[in-house]
Amino acid sequence: MVSIYQSSLCTNTLRFTQLISPALLIAFLRKMILTACGATVKTLTDIQKGKGKIDVDCCLLMSTTLPPYVVSTPLEVSQLMQVIGEDVPLLDLAWAHQSIIQRKCLPLEGDDDDDYRYSVSLEHSTSSTCQVKSIKSAKGGARYEIGDLVQFSIGSKSTAYGRIIGITWARQGKCKLDIQLLETGGEQELVDCDMSAKMTVDESSLQGNVLMLGANDFVRLGYINGKKSNLFNRKVPSYESQM
């Protein structure tokens, strides 16, 4: 079962969307998506009412609402910590996003660094910089998280593509992102290779997300008409395709 700490949600049909705030609507849609993927989603209120009767496998938190982004831990999160077990993994919402994108349930916890990539700590850090799982961009308010595919600028004229593999947040508000590059192939093609070069860029250089599709889906959807878009055909290196 998955616990989401957002406030109680409207459980009627979407004709009521104009009656609730955008934040609640987004939380409601996330709950629908997670339920469609097979998760049992419980809110803080559900867990409080069924205390001792609900087994929680993990708790999903939006890390951009937690320290160091804010001064103190939100009350609702503190209340949640009082009703779940200490051994329940705390994960950033990016864990759910990337599980859906990669079409597999990513590990809740483990011994590998990648397994802890989406784990969340509620401990306050006094360091001037820290590693985070996601950020809310000051430019347009877009959310970027580890695993996202992005387009970014290099200098004043060049554009490149890559996958976010790390985010360093600074108390001054400036973020640095570690990106593994995606090489451009033919028109609207990106080469996805684990051995590609890596580089660090400023948050301000981000230009938006991109999406890669498999060759069959790319052709089926008709995105081969030469028009520029943020949708690309995913190619793998020849040595990987032969394995």
Foldseek 3Di string as FASTA:
>chain_A
DEEEADDDADPDDCVCVVVDDPVRVVVVVVCVVVVVVPDDYDYLVRCVVCQPNDAHQAYEDACCQAPPVDDAGDPSVVSSVVRHDPPHFYFYPVQVVVCVVVVHRQASADDDPVSCLGTDDRDYDPDQKDWDAWDQDPVPRDIDGQQFKFWFDDPDDDIFIFGFHTKMAGPVGKIKTKTFGWPDDPQQETEDDPPGDIDIDTSVGTDGTAEEDEPVVCVVVPVPPRDDDSYGHYHYDPVVVVD
